[in-house]
Protein backbone atom coordinates (compact mmCIF):
# COMPACT_ATOMS: atom_id res chain seq x y z
CA UNK A 1 -23.46 -3.05 7.01
CA UNK A 2 -21.44 -6.35 7.88
CA UNK A 3 -18.31 -6.88 5.48
CA UNK A 4 -17.66 -10.77 6.43
CA UNK A 5 -14.10 -11.79 5.98
CA UNK A 6 -15.12 -14.48 3.70
CA UNK A 7 -15.85 -11.67 1.15
CA UNK A 8 -13.04 -9.08 2.07
CA UNK A 9 -10.19 -11.68 2.79
CA UNK A 10 -9.04 -9.34 5.98
CA UNK A 11 -7.11 -11.12 8.29
CA UNK A 12 -5.69 -9.67 11.89
CA UNK A 13 -2.22 -9.31 10.23
CA UNK A 14 -3.71 -6.76 7.57
CA UNK A 15 -4.98 -4.25 10.41
CA UNK A 16 -1.53 -4.82 12.44
CA UNK A 17 -0.23 -1.27 11.06
CA UNK A 18 -3.34 0.24 12.98
CA UNK A 19 -3.99 -2.36 15.75
CA UNK A 20 -0.77 -4.11 16.45
CA UNK A 21 -2.37 -6.46 19.34
CA UNK A 22 -4.92 -8.04 16.94
CA UNK A 23 -2.29 -10.42 15.39
CA UNK A 24 -0.63 -11.27 18.82
CA UNK A 25 -3.79 -11.81 20.43
CA UNK A 26 -6.13 -13.77 17.85
CA UNK A 27 -3.05 -15.00 15.23
CA UNK A 28 -2.21 -13.16 12.17
CA UNK A 29 -4.17 -15.60 9.59
CA UNK A 30 -7.31 -15.09 11.65
CA UNK A 31 -10.10 -13.83 9.57
CA UNK A 32 -11.95 -10.43 10.38
CA UNK A 33 -15.44 -9.36 10.08
CA UNK A 34 -15.90 -5.68 9.97
CA UNK A 35 -19.12 -3.78 10.60
CA UNK A 36 -19.52 -0.35 9.25
CA UNK A 37 -22.19 2.13 10.37
CA UNK A 38 -22.39 5.58 8.89
CA UNK A 39 -23.90 7.87 11.57
CA UNK A 40 -23.82 11.02 9.85
CA UNK A 41 -23.95 12.40 6.14
CA UNK A 42 -23.65 16.18 5.93
CA UNK A 43 -22.48 19.17 3.78
CA UNK A 44 -23.17 16.94 0.54
CA UNK A 45 -22.42 18.75 -2.64
CA UNK A 46 -22.33 17.44 -6.49
CA UNK A 47 -20.86 19.47 -9.03
CA UNK A 48 -22.57 17.82 -12.31
CA UNK A 49 -20.05 19.46 -14.47
CA UNK A 50 -16.91 17.94 -13.34
CA UNK A 51 -18.90 14.90 -11.91
CA UNK A 52 -17.43 15.55 -8.23
CA UNK A 53 -19.01 14.39 -5.10
CA UNK A 54 -18.25 15.95 -1.66
CA UNK A 55 -19.51 15.10 1.66
CA UNK A 56 -18.40 14.96 5.63
CA UNK A 57 -19.17 11.53 7.35
CA UNK A 58 -18.76 10.23 10.72
CA UNK A 59 -18.55 6.40 10.91
CA UNK A 60 -18.36 3.70 13.29
CA UNK A 61 -16.04 0.66 12.72
CA UNK A 62 -16.14 -2.30 14.45
CA UNK A 63 -13.60 -5.33 13.96
CA UNK A 64 -14.51 -8.78 14.87
CA UNK A 65 -11.76 -11.43 14.64
CA UNK A 66 -13.11 -15.13 14.09
CA UNK A 67 -10.71 -17.40 15.82
CA UNK A 68 -10.92 -21.05 14.70
CA UNK A 69 -13.37 -22.82 16.59
CA UNK A 70 -14.46 -19.98 18.55
CA UNK A 71 -17.26 -17.21 18.41
CA UNK A 72 -16.64 -14.11 16.52
CA UNK A 73 -15.01 -11.77 19.04
CA UNK A 74 -15.97 -7.82 19.62
CA UNK A 75 -12.10 -6.77 19.84
CA UNK A 76 -11.72 -3.23 18.60
CA UNK A 77 -14.20 -0.27 17.86
CA UNK A 78 -13.19 2.76 15.86
CA UNK A 79 -15.12 5.95 15.54
CA UNK A 80 -13.78 8.75 12.74
CA UNK A 81 -16.11 11.81 13.15
CA UNK A 82 -15.83 14.87 10.33
CA UNK A 83 -14.32 12.70 7.34
CA UNK A 84 -14.43 14.66 4.40
CA UNK A 85 -14.78 12.55 1.62
CA UNK A 86 -14.75 13.53 -2.26
CA UNK A 87 -14.25 12.04 -5.53
């Protein structure tokens, strides 16, 4: 699933706590598209009485800065495995 920067407002400086070199290399205000690919969903459970959802997921994330006047750049890939989500 593509999350375009026009919809999210994400820029390189917002990702600096995780990826310090992004704003240095591409500029702080450079917009960043994000690609999210859920590669695994397992151990899914729903508790109807308390409306709780729980699952174990693996997610691939890609961060694509869009420097002005240039093509988007495939700058960072991040894989998260075994993330336990619940609400």
